[in-house]
Amino acid sequence: MGVTHIVLFQFKSSASPGAINDISRRMLALKDDCIHPTSKKPYIKSASGGTDNSPEGIQNGITHAFVVEFESTEDRDYYVNDDPAHDEFKKLAGKVLEKAQVIDFIDGVFKL
């Protein structure tokens, strides 16, 4: 069963618009940059994201959201723990991020 991986960013106040756009572009590019070690092919099913536009006012500093979908928990686990492209991205993003939040779920599964 597929895994949905939600990533939320709050950028440092010192981050330039160019740096924010660069990290956002790189986040979405991981769909093509992350290559499975066995198949040697991209393994992220889909990636989307954008700037918050909610009128609710409860973002708590979060300005950008991304949704990444994986075919399996194994693919998600490789991405989180071992993928060199993702590791490099995290290093770059860490320079301009104030906070990152991540939550993953399998659609329809509500047990802990």
PDB file of N, CA and C in Angstrom:
ATOM      1  N   MET A   1       0.843  -1.180   0.000  1.00  0.00           N
ATOM      2  CA  MET A   1       0.000   0.000   0.000  1.00  0.00           C
ATOM      3  C   MET A   1       0.884   1.238   0.000  1.00  0.00           C
ATOM      4  N   GLY A   2       0.497   2.275  -0.722  1.00  0.00           N
ATOM      5  CA  GLY A   2       1.295   3.479  -0.869  1.00  0.00           C
ATOM      6  C   GLY A   2       1.400   4.304   0.399  1.00  0.00           C
ATOM      7  N   VAL A   3       2.450   5.120   0.453  1.00  0.00           N
ATOM      8  CA  VAL A   3       2.702   6.007   1.583  1.00  0.00           C
ATOM      9  C   VAL A   3       2.699   7.443   1.086  1.00  0.00           C
ATOM     10  N   THR A   4       1.954   8.301   1.772  1.00  0.00           N
ATOM     11  CA  THR A   4       1.956   9.731   1.499  1.00  0.00           C
ATOM     12  C   THR A   4       2.857  10.396   2.523  1.00  0.00           C
ATOM     13  N   HIS A   5       3.795  11.198   2.043  1.00  0.00           N
ATOM     14  CA  HIS A   5       4.833  11.848   2.853  1.00  0.00           C
ATOM     15  C   HIS A   5       4.606  13.355   2.723  1.00  0.00           C
ATOM     16  N   ILE A   6       4.184  13.994   3.806  1.00  0.00           N
ATOM     17  CA  ILE A   6       3.907  15.431   3.778  1.00  0.00           C
ATOM     18  C   ILE A   6       5.056  16.159   4.467  1.00  0.00           C
ATOM     19  N   VAL A   7       5.592  17.164   3.787  1.00  0.00           N
ATOM     20  CA  VAL A   7       6.733  17.941   4.280  1.00  0.00           C
ATOM     21  C   VAL A   7       6.311  19.403   4.344  1.00  0.00           C
ATOM     22  N   LEU A   8       6.542  20.029   5.499  1.00  0.00           N
ATOM     23  CA  LEU A   8       6.179  21.421   5.711  1.00  0.00           C
ATOM     24  C   LEU A   8       7.426  22.212   6.091  1.00  0.00           C
ATOM     25  N   PHE A   9       7.612  23.385   5.469  1.00  0.00           N
ATOM     26  CA  PHE A   9       8.801  24.200   5.714  1.00  0.00           C
ATOM     27  C   PHE A   9       8.446  25.567   6.266  1.00  0.00           C
ATOM     28  N   GLN A  10       9.265  26.009   7.207  1.00  0.00           N
ATOM     29  CA  GLN A  10       9.318  27.409   7.617  1.00  0.00           C
ATOM     30  C   GLN A  10      10.749  27.850   7.332  1.00  0.00           C
ATOM     31  N   PHE A  11      10.908  28.855   6.506  1.00  0.00           N
ATOM     32  CA  PHE A  11      12.235  29.338   6.158  1.00  0.00           C
ATOM     33  C   PHE A  11      12.720  30.368   7.167  1.00  0.00           C
ATOM     34  N   LYS A  12      14.033  30.454   7.313  1.00  0.00           N
ATOM     35  CA  LYS A  12      14.628  31.479   8.166  1.00  0.00           C
ATOM     36  C   LYS A  12      14.261  32.852   7.617  1.00  0.00           C
ATOM     37  N   SER A  13      14.123  33.823   8.496  1.00  0.00           N
ATOM     38  CA  SER A  13      13.791  35.178   8.040  1.00  0.00           C
ATOM     39  C   SER A  13      14.889  35.746   7.156  1.00  0.00           C
ATOM     40  N   SER A  14      16.100  35.238   7.283  1.00  0.00           N
ATOM     41  CA  SER A  14      17.220  35.708   6.470  1.00  0.00           C
ATOM     42  C   SER A  14      17.278  35.060   5.089  1.00  0.00           C
ATOM     43  N   ALA A  15      16.435  34.054   4.840  1.00  0.00           N
ATOM     44  CA  ALA A  15      16.458  33.359   3.541  1.00  0.00           C
ATOM     45  C   ALA A  15      15.943  34.284   2.449  1.00  0.00           C
ATOM     46  N   SER A  16      16.712  34.392   1.386  1.00  0.00           N
ATOM     47  CA  SER A  16      16.316  35.248   0.267  1.00  0.00           C
ATOM     48  C   SER A  16      15.231  34.564  -0.559  1.00  0.00           C
ATOM     49  N   PRO A  17      14.444  35.353  -1.306  1.00  0.00           N
ATOM     50  CA  PRO A  17      13.458  34.738  -2.202  1.00  0.00           C
ATOM     51  C   PRO A  17      14.108  33.750  -3.180  1.00  0.00           C
ATOM     52  N   GLY A  18      15.304  34.056  -3.634  1.00  0.00           N
ATOM     53  CA  GLY A  18      16.003  33.149  -4.545  1.00  0.00           C
ATOM     54  C   GLY A  18      16.339  31.822  -3.888  1.00  0.00           C
ATOM     55  N   ALA A  19      16.784  31.882  -2.637  1.00  0.00           N
ATOM     56  CA  ALA A  19      17.119  30.654  -1.908  1.00  0.00           C
ATOM     57  C   ALA A  19      15.866  29.828  -1.643  1.00  0.00           C
ATOM     58  N   ILE A  20      14.770  30.498  -1.310  1.00  0.00           N
ATOM     59  CA  ILE A  20      13.505  29.801  -1.066  1.00  0.00           C
ATOM     60  C   ILE A  20      13.026  29.118  -2.342  1.00  0.00           C
ATOM     61  N   ASN A  21      13.091  29.821  -3.459  1.00  0.00           N
ATOM     62  CA  ASN A  21      12.691  29.223  -4.739  1.00  0.00           C
ATOM     63  C   ASN A  21      13.596  28.054  -5.110  1.00  0.00           C
ATOM     64  N   ASP A  22      14.894  28.189  -4.852  1.00  0.00           N
ATOM     65  CA  ASP A  22      15.844  27.132  -5.180  1.00  0.00           C
ATOM     66  C   ASP A  22      15.548  25.866  -4.376  1.00  0.00           C
ATOM     67  N   ILE A  23      15.348  26.006  -3.073  1.00  0.00           N
ATOM     68  CA  ILE A  23      15.065  24.837  -2.236  1.00  0.00           C
ATOM     69  C   ILE A  23      13.720  24.214  -2.627  1.00  0.00           C
ATOM     70  N   SER A  24      12.736  25.049  -2.922  1.00  0.00           N
ATOM     71  CA  SER A  24      11.427  24.522  -3.337  1.00  0.00           C
ATOM     72  C   SER A  24      11.543  23.751  -4.643  1.00  0.00           C
ATOM     73  N   ARG A  25      12.280  24.292  -5.588  1.00  0.00           N
ATOM     74  CA  ARG A  25      12.495  23.613  -6.869  1.00  0.00           C
ATOM     75  C   ARG A  25      13.237  22.294  -6.659  1.00  0.00           C
ATOM     76  N   ARG A  26      14.267  22.330  -5.822  1.00  0.00           N
ATOM     77  CA  ARG A  26      15.049  21.117  -5.541  1.00  0.00           C
ATOM     78  C   ARG A  26      14.206  20.050  -4.834  1.00  0.00           C
ATOM     79  N   MET A  27      13.308  20.488  -3.965  1.00  0.00           N
ATOM     80  CA  MET A  27      12.429  19.532  -3.277  1.00  0.00           C
ATOM     81  C   MET A  27      11.589  18.775  -4.299  1.00  0.00           C
ATOM     82  N   LEU A  28      11.010  19.481  -5.239  1.00  0.00           N
ATOM     83  CA  LEU A  28      10.191  18.827  -6.265  1.00  0.00           C
ATOM     84  C   LEU A  28      11.033  17.994  -7.225  1.00  0.00           C
ATOM     85  N   ALA A  29      12.272  18.411  -7.460  1.00  0.00           N
ATOM     86  CA  ALA A  29      13.164  17.683  -8.374  1.00  0.00           C
ATOM     87  C   ALA A  29      13.602  16.336  -7.810  1.00  0.00           C
ATOM     88  N   LEU A  30      13.429  16.140  -6.506  1.00  0.00           N
ATOM     89  CA  LEU A  30      13.799  14.847  -5.932  1.00  0.00           C
ATOM     90  C   LEU A  30      13.032  13.698  -6.590  1.00  0.00           C
ATOM     91  N   LYS A  31      11.867  13.990  -7.139  1.00  0.00           N
ATOM     92  CA  LYS A  31      11.093  12.950  -7.825  1.00  0.00           C
ATOM     93  C   LYS A  31      11.922  12.288  -8.929  1.00  0.00           C
ATOM     94  N   ASP A  32      12.720  13.064  -9.614  1.00  0.00           N
ATOM     95  CA  ASP A  32      13.555  12.532 -10.693  1.00  0.00           C
ATOM     96  C   ASP A  32      14.986  12.237 -10.244  1.00  0.00           C
ATOM     97  N   ASP A  33      15.430  12.919  -9.202  1.00  0.00           N
ATOM     98  CA  ASP A  33      16.820  12.782  -8.754  1.00  0.00           C
ATOM     99  C   ASP A  33      17.056  11.572  -7.869  1.00  0.00           C
ATOM    100  N   CYS A  34      16.018  11.095  -7.189  1.00  0.00           N
ATOM    101  CA  CYS A  34      16.159   9.944  -6.297  1.00  0.00           C
ATOM    102  C   CYS A  34      16.024   8.652  -7.105  1.00  0.00           C
ATOM    103  N   ILE A  35      17.099   7.890  -7.126  1.00  0.00           N
ATOM    104  CA  ILE A  35      17.172   6.674  -7.944  1.00  0.00           C
ATOM    105  C   ILE A  35      17.253   5.456  -7.019  1.00  0.00           C
ATOM    106  N   HIS A  36      16.399   4.481  -7.287  1.00  0.00           N
ATOM    107  CA  HIS A  36      16.376   3.260  -6.476  1.00  0.00           C
ATOM    108  C   HIS A  36      17.660   2.464  -6.721  1.00  0.00           C
ATOM    109  N   PRO A  37      18.292   1.941  -5.669  1.00  0.00           N
ATOM    110  CA  PRO A  37      19.570   1.241  -5.845  1.00  0.00           C
ATOM    111  C   PRO A  37      19.465  -0.069  -6.619  1.00  0.00           C
ATOM    112  N   THR A  38      18.298  -0.674  -6.617  1.00  0.00           N
ATOM    113  CA  THR A  38      18.131  -1.953  -7.322  1.00  0.00           C
ATOM    114  C   THR A  38      17.682  -1.750  -8.762  1.00  0.00           C
ATOM    115  N   SER A  39      16.610  -0.994  -8.944  1.00  0.00           N
ATOM    116  CA  SER A  39      16.064  -0.806 -10.298  1.00  0.00           C
ATOM    117  C   SER A  39      16.834   0.228 -11.113  1.00  0.00           C
ATOM    118  N   LYS A  40      17.569   1.093 -10.431  1.00  0.00           N
ATOM    119  CA  LYS A  40      18.318   2.192 -11.078  1.00  0.00           C
ATOM    120  C   LYS A  40      17.376   3.172 -11.775  1.00  0.00           C
ATOM    121  N   LYS A  41      16.139   3.259 -11.271  1.00  0.00           N
ATOM    122  CA  LYS A  41      15.138   4.164 -11.834  1.00  0.00           C
ATOM    123  C   LYS A  41      14.562   5.030 -10.721  1.00  0.00           C
ATOM    124  N   PRO A  42      14.005   6.191 -11.082  1.00  0.00           N
ATOM    125  CA  PRO A  42      13.318   6.997 -10.069  1.00  0.00           C
ATOM    126  C   PRO A  42      12.197   6.178  -9.427  1.00  0.00           C
ATOM    127  N   TYR A  43      12.011   6.344  -8.125  1.00  0.00           N
ATOM    128  CA  TYR A  43      11.028   5.526  -7.406  1.00  0.00           C
ATOM    129  C   TYR A  43       9.961   6.348  -6.699  1.00  0.00           C
ATOM    130  N   ILE A  44      10.034   7.664  -6.741  1.00  0.00           N
ATOM    131  CA  ILE A  44       8.990   8.489  -6.154  1.00  0.00           C
ATOM    132  C   ILE A  44       7.836   8.545  -7.149  1.00  0.00           C
ATOM    133  N   LYS A  45       6.643   8.155  -6.698  1.00  0.00           N
ATOM    134  CA  LYS A  45       5.480   8.113  -7.591  1.00  0.00           C
ATOM    135  C   LYS A  45       5.045   9.500  -8.041  1.00  0.00           C
ATOM    136  N   SER A  46       4.985  10.439  -7.096  1.00  0.00           N
ATOM    137  CA  SER A  46       4.569  11.797  -7.442  1.00  0.00           C
ATOM    138  C   SER A  46       5.099  12.762  -6.393  1.00  0.00           C
ATOM    139  N   ALA A  47       5.202  14.019  -6.803  1.00  0.00           N
ATOM    140  CA  ALA A  47       5.620  15.086  -5.891  1.00  0.00           C
ATOM    141  C   ALA A  47       4.915  16.367  -6.317  1.00  0.00           C
ATOM    142  N   SER A  48       4.356  17.063  -5.339  1.00  0.00           N
ATOM    143  CA  SER A  48       3.714  18.349  -5.611  1.00  0.00           C
ATOM    144  C   SER A  48       3.976  19.260  -4.426  1.00  0.00           C
ATOM    145  N   GLY A  49       3.794  20.541  -4.635  1.00  0.00           N
ATOM    146  CA  GLY A  49       4.011  21.462  -3.532  1.00  0.00           C
ATOM    147  C   GLY A  49       3.748  22.892  -3.935  1.00  0.00           C
ATOM    148  N   GLY A  50       3.755  23.764  -2.932  1.00  0.00           N
ATOM    149  CA  GLY A  50       3.554  25.171  -3.194  1.00  0.00           C
ATOM    150  C   GLY A  50       3.578  25.989  -1.921  1.00  0.00           C
ATOM    151  N   THR A  51       3.319  27.272  -2.099  1.00  0.00           N
ATOM    152  CA  THR A  51       3.296  28.223  -0.999  1.00  0.00           C
ATOM    153  C   THR A  51       1.908  28.230  -0.363  1.00  0.00           C
ATOM    154  N   ASP A  52       1.879  28.296   0.950  1.00  0.00           N
ATOM    155  CA  ASP A  52       0.620  28.326   1.684  1.00  0.00           C
ATOM    156  C   ASP A  52      -0.256  29.485   1.225  1.00  0.00           C
ATOM    157  N   ASN A  53      -1.537  29.225   1.102  1.00  0.00           N
ATOM    158  CA  ASN A  53      -2.491  30.296   0.797  1.00  0.00           C
ATOM    159  C   ASN A  53      -3.769  30.159   1.626  1.00  0.00           C
ATOM    160  N   SER A  54      -3.668  29.493   2.774  1.00  0.00           N
ATOM    161  CA  SER A  54      -4.836  29.283   3.625  1.00  0.00           C
ATOM    162  C   SER A  54      -5.241  30.574   4.332  1.00  0.00           C
ATOM    163  N   PRO A  55      -6.526  30.880   4.352  1.00  0.00           N
ATOM    164  CA  PRO A  55      -6.995  32.069   5.062  1.00  0.00           C
ATOM    165  C   PRO A  55      -7.220  31.820   6.557  1.00  0.00           C
ATOM    166  N   GLU A  56      -6.999  30.584   7.029  1.00  0.00           N
ATOM    167  CA  GLU A  56      -7.318  30.259   8.417  1.00  0.00           C
ATOM    168  C   GLU A  56      -6.385  30.915   9.440  1.00  0.00           C
ATOM    169  N   GLY A  57      -5.149  31.189   9.050  1.00  0.00           N
ATOM    170  CA  GLY A  57      -4.220  31.844   9.958  1.00  0.00           C
ATOM    171  C   GLY A  57      -3.656  30.968  11.058  1.00  0.00           C
ATOM    172  N   ILE A  58      -3.615  29.670  10.855  1.00  0.00           N
ATOM    173  CA  ILE A  58      -3.080  28.767  11.885  1.00  0.00           C
ATOM    174  C   ILE A  58      -1.870  27.980  11.369  1.00  0.00           C
ATOM    175  N   GLN A  59      -1.081  28.621  10.522  1.00  0.00           N
ATOM    176  CA  GLN A  59       0.074  27.965   9.916  1.00  0.00           C
ATOM    177  C   GLN A  59       1.272  27.883  10.859  1.00  0.00           C
ATOM    178  N   ASN A  60       1.282  28.684  11.907  1.00  0.00           N
ATOM    179  CA  ASN A  60       2.376  28.660  12.887  1.00  0.00           C
ATOM    180  C   ASN A  60       3.751  28.795  12.238  1.00  0.00           C
ATOM    181  N   GLY A  61       3.850  29.685  11.268  1.00  0.00           N
ATOM    182  CA  GLY A  61       5.130  29.958  10.620  1.00  0.00           C
ATOM    183  C   GLY A  61       5.418  29.131   9.381  1.00  0.00           C
ATOM    184  N   ILE A  62       4.659  28.073   9.145  1.00  0.00           N
ATOM    185  CA  ILE A  62       4.864  27.226   7.965  1.00  0.00           C
ATOM    186  C   ILE A  62       4.407  28.002   6.731  1.00  0.00           C
ATOM    187  N   THR A  63       5.262  28.036   5.707  1.00  0.00           N
ATOM    188  CA  THR A  63       4.937  28.783   4.487  1.00  0.00           C
ATOM    189  C   THR A  63       4.878  27.919   3.233  1.00  0.00           C
ATOM    190  N   HIS A  64       5.493  26.740   3.261  1.00  0.00           N
ATOM    191  CA  HIS A  64       5.562  25.897   2.070  1.00  0.00           C
ATOM    192  C   HIS A  64       5.212  24.459   2.435  1.00  0.00           C
ATOM    193  N   ALA A  65       4.457  23.794   1.564  1.00  0.00           N
ATOM    194  CA  ALA A  65       4.045  22.412   1.797  1.00  0.00           C
ATOM    195  C   ALA A  65       4.325  21.574   0.552  1.00  0.00           C
ATOM    196  N   PHE A  66       4.705  20.328   0.804  1.00  0.00           N
ATOM    197  CA  PHE A  66       5.011  19.392  -0.280  1.00  0.00           C
ATOM    198  C   PHE A  66       4.387  18.040   0.051  1.00  0.00           C
ATOM    199  N   VAL A  67       3.903  17.356  -0.971  1.00  0.00           N
ATOM    200  CA  VAL A  67       3.336  16.028  -0.820  1.00  0.00           C
ATOM    201  C   VAL A  67       4.092  15.098  -1.762  1.00  0.00           C
ATOM    202  N   VAL A  68       4.693  14.072  -1.186  1.00  0.00           N
ATOM    203  CA  VAL A  68       5.476  13.095  -1.948  1.00  0.00           C
ATOM    204  C   VAL A  68       4.824  11.737  -1.733  1.00  0.00           C
ATOM    205  N   GLU A  69       4.624  11.000  -2.813  1.00  0.00           N
ATOM    206  CA  GLU A  69       3.993   9.682  -2.701  1.00  0.00           C
ATOM    207  C   GLU A  69       4.969   8.579  -3.104  1.00  0.00           C
ATOM    208  N   PHE A  70       4.958   7.533  -2.275  1.00  0.00           N
ATOM    209  CA  PHE A  70       5.799   6.362  -2.500  1.00  0.00           C
ATOM    210  C   PHE A  70       4.907   5.139  -2.682  1.00  0.00           C
ATOM    211  N   GLU A  71       5.385   4.186  -3.438  1.00  0.00           N
ATOM    212  CA  GLU A  71       4.657   2.941  -3.679  1.00  0.00           C
ATOM    213  C   GLU A  71       4.593   2.080  -2.422  1.00  0.00           C
ATOM    214  N   SER A  72       5.629   2.161  -1.568  1.00  0.00           N
ATOM    215  CA  SER A  72       5.706   1.260  -0.417  1.00  0.00           C
ATOM    216  C   SER A  72       6.444   1.925   0.742  1.00  0.00           C
ATOM    217  N   THR A  73       6.289   1.335   1.928  1.00  0.00           N
ATOM    218  CA  THR A  73       7.049   1.832   3.076  1.00  0.00           C
ATOM    219  C   THR A  73       8.543   1.591   2.875  1.00  0.00           C
ATOM    220  N   GLU A  74       8.889   0.531   2.148  1.00  0.00           N
ATOM    221  CA  GLU A  74      10.302   0.257   1.874  1.00  0.00           C
ATOM    222  C   GLU A  74      10.921   1.386   1.048  1.00  0.00           C
ATOM    223  N   ASP A  75      10.200   1.856   0.034  1.00  0.00           N
ATOM    224  CA  ASP A  75      10.707   2.978  -0.767  1.00  0.00           C
ATOM    225  C   ASP A  75      10.822   4.236   0.087  1.00  0.00           C
ATOM    226  N   ARG A  76       9.803   4.501   0.897  1.00  0.00           N
ATOM    227  CA  ARG A  76       9.854   5.666   1.781  1.00  0.00           C
ATOM    228  C   ARG A  76      11.033   5.570   2.749  1.00  0.00           C
ATOM    229  N   ASP A  77      11.240   4.380   3.315  1.00  0.00           N
ATOM    230  CA  ASP A  77      12.331   4.198   4.269  1.00  0.00           C
ATOM    231  C   ASP A  77      13.698   4.397   3.599  1.00  0.00           C
ATOM    232  N   TYR A  78      13.843   3.917   2.371  1.00  0.00           N
ATOM    233  CA  TYR A  78      15.105   4.140   1.649  1.00  0.00           C
ATOM    234  C   TYR A  78      15.317   5.646   1.438  1.00  0.00           C
ATOM    235  N   TYR A  79      14.286   6.335   1.033  1.00  0.00           N
ATOM    236  CA  TYR A  79      14.343   7.782   0.813  1.00  0.00           C
ATOM    237  C   TYR A  79      14.774   8.507   2.083  1.00  0.00           C
ATOM    238  N   VAL A  80      14.144   8.193   3.184  1.00  0.00           N
ATOM    239  CA  VAL A  80      14.406   8.879   4.449  1.00  0.00           C
ATOM    240  C   VAL A  80      15.797   8.542   4.998  1.00  0.00           C
ATOM    241  N   ASN A  81      16.200   7.294   4.903  1.00  0.00           N
ATOM    242  CA  ASN A  81      17.405   6.845   5.596  1.00  0.00           C
ATOM    243  C   ASN A  81      18.663   6.721   4.753  1.00  0.00           C
ATOM    244  N   ASP A  82      18.523   6.469   3.444  1.00  0.00           N
ATOM    245  CA  ASP A  82      19.703   6.078   2.675  1.00  0.00           C
ATOM    246  C   ASP A  82      19.917   6.799   1.352  1.00  0.00           C
ATOM    247  N   ASP A  83      18.914   7.435   0.801  1.00  0.00           N
ATOM    248  CA  ASP A  83      19.064   7.997  -0.537  1.00  0.00           C
ATOM    249  C   ASP A  83      20.062   9.157  -0.538  1.00  0.00           C
ATOM    250  N   PRO A  84      21.142   9.062  -1.328  1.00  0.00           N
ATOM    251  CA  PRO A  84      22.155  10.123  -1.323  1.00  0.00           C
ATOM    252  C   PRO A  84      21.638  11.461  -1.860  1.00  0.00           C
ATOM    253  N   ALA A  85      20.725  11.437  -2.816  1.00  0.00           N
ATOM    254  CA  ALA A  85      20.174  12.697  -3.342  1.00  0.00           C
ATOM    255  C   ALA A  85      19.345  13.398  -2.271  1.00  0.00           C
ATOM    256  N   HIS A  86      18.568  12.632  -1.526  1.00  0.00           N
ATOM    257  CA  HIS A  86      17.778  13.209  -0.433  1.00  0.00           C
ATOM    258  C   HIS A  86      18.692  13.723   0.680  1.00  0.00           C
ATOM    259  N   ASP A  87      19.750  12.975   0.995  1.00  0.00           N
ATOM    260  CA  ASP A  87      20.699  13.421   2.016  1.00  0.00           C
ATOM    261  C   ASP A  87      21.331  14.757   1.629  1.00  0.00           C
ATOM    262  N   GLU A  88      21.728  14.888   0.385  1.00  0.00           N
ATOM    263  CA  GLU A  88      22.328  16.141  -0.092  1.00  0.00           C
ATOM    264  C   GLU A  88      21.311  17.281  -0.008  1.00  0.00           C
ATOM    265  N   PHE A  89      20.073  17.005  -0.386  1.00  0.00           N
ATOM    266  CA  PHE A  89      19.026  18.022  -0.296  1.00  0.00           C
ATOM    267  C   PHE A  89      18.855  18.492   1.144  1.00  0.00           C
ATOM    268  N   LYS A  90      18.820  17.564   2.089  1.00  0.00           N
ATOM    269  CA  LYS A  90      18.631  17.929   3.496  1.00  0.00           C
ATOM    270  C   LYS A  90      19.744  18.852   3.984  1.00  0.00           C
ATOM    271  N   LYS A  91      20.964  18.595   3.541  1.00  0.00           N
ATOM    272  CA  LYS A  91      22.087  19.459   3.929  1.00  0.00           C
ATOM    273  C   LYS A  91      21.896  20.875   3.396  1.00  0.00           C
ATOM    274  N   LEU A  92      21.513  20.990   2.137  1.00  0.00           N
ATOM    275  CA  LEU A  92      21.287  22.309   1.538  1.00  0.00           C
ATOM    276  C   LEU A  92      20.110  23.022   2.172  1.00  0.00           C
ATOM    277  N   ALA A  93      19.017  22.318   2.362  1.00  0.00           N
ATOM    278  CA  ALA A  93      17.817  22.924   2.936  1.00  0.00           C
ATOM    279  C   ALA A  93      18.057  23.374   4.367  1.00  0.00           C
ATOM    280  N   GLY A  94      18.848  22.622   5.104  1.00  0.00           N
ATOM    281  CA  GLY A  94      19.122  22.952   6.493  1.00  0.00           C
ATOM    282  C   GLY A  94      19.758  24.317   6.677  1.00  0.00           C
ATOM    283  N   LYS A  95      20.385  24.820   5.640  1.00  0.00           N
ATOM    284  CA  LYS A  95      21.037  26.132   5.715  1.00  0.00           C
ATOM    285  C   LYS A  95      20.038  27.281   5.718  1.00  0.00           C
ATOM    286  N   VAL A  96      18.840  27.048   5.170  1.00  0.00           N
ATOM    287  CA  VAL A  96      17.861  28.139   5.051  1.00  0.00           C
ATOM    288  C   VAL A  96      16.545  27.865   5.772  1.00  0.00           C
ATOM    289  N   LEU A  97      16.416  26.687   6.371  1.00  0.00           N
ATOM    290  CA  LEU A  97      15.165  26.351   7.055  1.00  0.00           C
ATOM    291  C   LEU A  97      15.236  26.681   8.544  1.00  0.00           C
ATOM    292  N   GLU A  98      14.185  27.290   9.019  1.00  0.00           N
ATOM    293  CA  GLU A  98      13.992  27.492  10.453  1.00  0.00           C
ATOM    294  C   GLU A  98      13.415  26.219  11.066  1.00  0.00           C
ATOM    295  N   LYS A  99      12.472  25.609  10.328  1.00  0.00           N
ATOM    296  CA  LYS A  99      11.785  24.425  10.840  1.00  0.00           C
ATOM    297  C   LYS A  99      11.284  23.592   9.666  1.00  0.00           C
ATOM    298  N   ALA A 100      11.346  22.284   9.838  1.00  0.00           N
ATOM    299  CA  ALA A 100      10.728  21.355   8.897  1.00  0.00           C
ATOM    300  C   ALA A 100       9.886  20.382   9.705  1.00  0.00           C
ATOM    301  N   GLN A 101       8.705  20.079   9.214  1.00  0.00           N
ATOM    302  CA  GLN A 101       7.844  19.081   9.837  1.00  0.00           C
ATOM    303  C   GLN A 101       7.494  18.048   8.782  1.00  0.00           C
ATOM    304  N   VAL A 102       7.436  16.799   9.203  1.00  0.00           N
ATOM    305  CA  VAL A 102       7.110  15.706   8.283  1.00  0.00           C
ATOM    306  C   VAL A 102       6.096  14.799   8.954  1.00  0.00           C
ATOM    307  N   ILE A 103       5.111  14.386   8.176  1.00  0.00           N
ATOM    308  CA  ILE A 103       4.174  13.369   8.633  1.00  0.00           C
ATOM    309  C   ILE A 103       3.886  12.451   7.448  1.00  0.00           C
ATOM    310  N   ASP A 104       3.859  11.162   7.727  1.00  0.00           N
ATOM    311  CA  ASP A 104       3.580  10.157   6.702  1.00  0.00           C
ATOM    312  C   ASP A 104       2.327   9.394   7.095  1.00  0.00           C
ATOM    313  N   PHE A 105       1.594   8.944   6.077  1.00  0.00           N
ATOM    314  CA  PHE A 105       0.431   8.113   6.383  1.00  0.00           C
ATOM    315  C   PHE A 105       0.122   7.196   5.209  1.00  0.00           C
ATOM    316  N   ILE A 106      -0.599   6.134   5.537  1.00  0.00           N
ATOM    317  CA  ILE A 106      -1.162   5.230   4.545  1.00  0.00           C
ATOM    318  C   ILE A 106      -2.655   5.524   4.533  1.00  0.00           C
ATOM    319  N   ASP A 107      -3.188   5.824   3.378  1.00  0.00           N
ATOM    320  CA  ASP A 107      -4.590   6.236   3.246  1.00  0.00           C
ATOM    321  C   ASP A 107      -5.518   5.228   3.900  1.00  0.00           C
ATOM    322  N   GLY A 108      -6.373   5.742   4.786  1.00  0.00           N
ATOM    323  CA  GLY A 108      -7.379   4.912   5.437  1.00  0.00           C
ATOM    324  C   GLY A 108      -6.916   4.149   6.656  1.00  0.00           C
ATOM    325  N   VAL A 109      -5.633   4.227   7.017  1.00  0.00           N
ATOM    326  CA  VAL A 109      -5.121   3.510   8.189  1.00  0.00           C
ATOM    327  C   VAL A 109      -5.058   4.495   9.347  1.00  0.00           C
ATOM    328  N   PHE A 110      -5.812   4.216  10.414  1.00  0.00           N
ATOM    329  CA  PHE A 110      -5.936   5.128  11.544  1.00  0.00           C
ATOM    330  C   PHE A 110      -5.445   4.556  12.861  1.00  0.00           C
ATOM    331  N   LYS A 111      -4.983   3.332  12.876  1.00  0.00           N
ATOM    332  CA  LYS A 111      -4.509   2.739  14.131  1.00  0.00           C
ATOM    333  C   LYS A 111      -3.075   3.200  14.411  1.00  0.00           C
ATOM    334  N   LEU A 112      -2.714   3.213  15.664  1.00  0.00           N
ATOM    335  CA  LEU A 112      -1.352   3.608  16.053  1.00  0.00           C
ATOM    336  C   LEU A 112      -0.436   2.445  16.162  1.00  0.00           C
TER     337      LEU A 112
END
